[in-house]
């Protein structure tokens, strides 16, 4: 388990993830994204009101999942 650990580099995490095995022989693929993303972008007015955020039990301020409601048009 790696909870609460600070790693030296992103490459270290990628290398560790490449060693993961499962009981069902699941293959794990890792990719490092080096893109720079624009900050400060605005969202539609009603987007946040339709967004449910589910917080994880471990470090909820960092581990969460946004779950927007689907709208059928």
C-alpha atoms as a PDB file:
ATOM      1  CA  UNK A   1       0.000   0.000   0.000  1.00  0.00           C
ATOM      2  CA  UNK A   2       1.310   3.450  -0.877  1.00  0.00           C
ATOM      3  CA  UNK A   3      -1.105   5.639   1.085  1.00  0.00           C
ATOM      4  CA  UNK A   4       0.610   8.662   2.578  1.00  0.00           C
ATOM      5  CA  UNK A   5       3.918   8.167   0.747  1.00  0.00           C
ATOM      6  CA  UNK A   6       5.688  10.914  -1.152  1.00  0.00           C
ATOM      7  CA  UNK A   7       7.482   9.714  -4.281  1.00  0.00           C
ATOM      8  CA  UNK A   8      10.665  11.164  -5.755  1.00  0.00           C
ATOM      9  CA  UNK A   9       9.293  11.407  -9.297  1.00  0.00           C
ATOM     10  CA  UNK A  10       6.379  10.619 -11.560  1.00  0.00           C
ATOM     11  CA  UNK A  11       8.595   8.051 -13.290  1.00  0.00           C
ATOM     12  CA  UNK A  12       8.991   6.205  -9.958  1.00  0.00           C
ATOM     13  CA  UNK A  13       5.203   5.912  -9.678  1.00  0.00           C
ATOM     14  CA  UNK A  14       4.926   4.764 -13.297  1.00  0.00           C
ATOM     15  CA  UNK A  15       7.578   2.094 -12.712  1.00  0.00           C
ATOM     16  CA  UNK A  16       5.821   0.871  -9.561  1.00  0.00           C
ATOM     17  CA  UNK A  17       2.468   0.734 -11.344  1.00  0.00           C
ATOM     18  CA  UNK A  18       4.040  -1.370 -14.115  1.00  0.00           C
ATOM     19  CA  UNK A  19       4.769  -4.095 -11.538  1.00  0.00           C
ATOM     20  CA  UNK A  20       1.134  -4.442 -10.438  1.00  0.00           C
ATOM     21  CA  UNK A  21      -0.396  -7.906 -10.712  1.00  0.00           C
ATOM     22  CA  UNK A  22      -3.908  -9.175 -10.085  1.00  0.00           C
ATOM     23  CA  UNK A  23      -5.451 -12.574  -9.418  1.00  0.00           C
ATOM     24  CA  UNK A  24      -7.190 -12.414 -12.799  1.00  0.00           C
ATOM     25  CA  UNK A  25      -4.041 -11.468 -14.765  1.00  0.00           C
ATOM     26  CA  UNK A  26      -5.310  -7.973 -15.475  1.00  0.00           C
ATOM     27  CA  UNK A  27      -2.764  -5.960 -17.469  1.00  0.00           C
ATOM     28  CA  UNK A  28      -2.081  -2.410 -16.326  1.00  0.00           C
ATOM     29  CA  UNK A  29      -1.095   0.288 -18.796  1.00  0.00           C
ATOM     30  CA  UNK A  30       0.358   3.557 -17.541  1.00  0.00           C
ATOM     31  CA  UNK A  31       0.853   6.785 -19.440  1.00  0.00           C
ATOM     32  CA  UNK A  32       2.372  10.045 -18.258  1.00  0.00           C
ATOM     33  CA  UNK A  33       0.712  13.140 -19.707  1.00  0.00           C
ATOM     34  CA  UNK A  34       3.086  16.062 -20.039  1.00  0.00           C
ATOM     35  CA  UNK A  35       0.494  18.451 -21.480  1.00  0.00           C
ATOM     36  CA  UNK A  36      -0.047  21.856 -19.946  1.00  0.00           C
ATOM     37  CA  UNK A  37      -3.705  22.606 -19.436  1.00  0.00           C
ATOM     38  CA  UNK A  38      -5.298  26.029 -19.407  1.00  0.00           C
ATOM     39  CA  UNK A  39      -6.477  27.217 -15.977  1.00  0.00           C
ATOM     40  CA  UNK A  40      -9.301  29.587 -15.139  1.00  0.00           C
ATOM     41  CA  UNK A  41     -11.707  28.271 -17.766  1.00  0.00           C
ATOM     42  CA  UNK A  42     -15.384  28.985 -17.123  1.00  0.00           C
ATOM     43  CA  UNK A  43     -18.120  26.356 -17.116  1.00  0.00           C
ATOM     44  CA  UNK A  44     -21.784  26.598 -18.036  1.00  0.00           C
ATOM     45  CA  UNK A  45     -23.914  28.338 -15.407  1.00  0.00           C
ATOM     46  CA  UNK A  46     -25.900  25.220 -14.450  1.00  0.00           C
ATOM     47  CA  UNK A  47     -22.981  22.774 -14.647  1.00  0.00           C
ATOM     48  CA  UNK A  48     -21.981  23.022 -10.976  1.00  0.00           C
ATOM     49  CA  UNK A  49     -25.566  22.785  -9.766  1.00  0.00           C
ATOM     50  CA  UNK A  50     -25.922  19.451 -11.637  1.00  0.00           C
ATOM     51  CA  UNK A  51     -22.608  18.073 -10.370  1.00  0.00           C
ATOM     52  CA  UNK A  52     -22.497  15.605  -7.492  1.00  0.00           C
ATOM     53  CA  UNK A  53     -19.080  15.171  -5.856  1.00  0.00           C
ATOM     54  CA  UNK A  54     -18.345  11.911  -4.028  1.00  0.00           C
ATOM     55  CA  UNK A  55     -15.446  12.245  -1.570  1.00  0.00           C
ATOM     56  CA  UNK A  56     -13.191   9.294  -0.767  1.00  0.00           C
ATOM     57  CA  UNK A  57     -12.680   8.226   2.854  1.00  0.00           C
ATOM     58  CA  UNK A  58      -8.880   8.531   2.591  1.00  0.00           C
ATOM     59  CA  UNK A  59      -7.728  12.137   2.005  1.00  0.00           C
ATOM     60  CA  UNK A  60     -11.117  13.381   0.766  1.00  0.00           C
ATOM     61  CA  UNK A  61      -9.657  16.808  -0.069  1.00  0.00           C
ATOM     62  CA  UNK A  62      -7.532  15.114  -2.767  1.00  0.00           C
ATOM     63  CA  UNK A  63      -9.519  11.977  -3.623  1.00  0.00           C
ATOM     64  CA  UNK A  64     -12.937  12.663  -5.048  1.00  0.00           C
ATOM     65  CA  UNK A  65     -15.057  11.785  -8.065  1.00  0.00           C
ATOM     66  CA  UNK A  66     -17.265  14.340  -9.837  1.00  0.00           C
ATOM     67  CA  UNK A  67     -20.438  12.705 -11.138  1.00  0.00           C
ATOM     68  CA  UNK A  68     -22.428  14.975 -13.449  1.00  0.00           C
ATOM     69  CA  UNK A  69     -26.060  14.104 -14.025  1.00  0.00           C
ATOM     70  CA  UNK A  70     -26.713  12.931 -17.544  1.00  0.00           C
ATOM     71  CA  UNK A  71     -29.058  15.063 -19.597  1.00  0.00           C
ATOM     72  CA  UNK A  72     -30.803  13.429 -22.538  1.00  0.00           C
ATOM     73  CA  UNK A  73     -31.518  15.833 -25.363  1.00  0.00           C
END
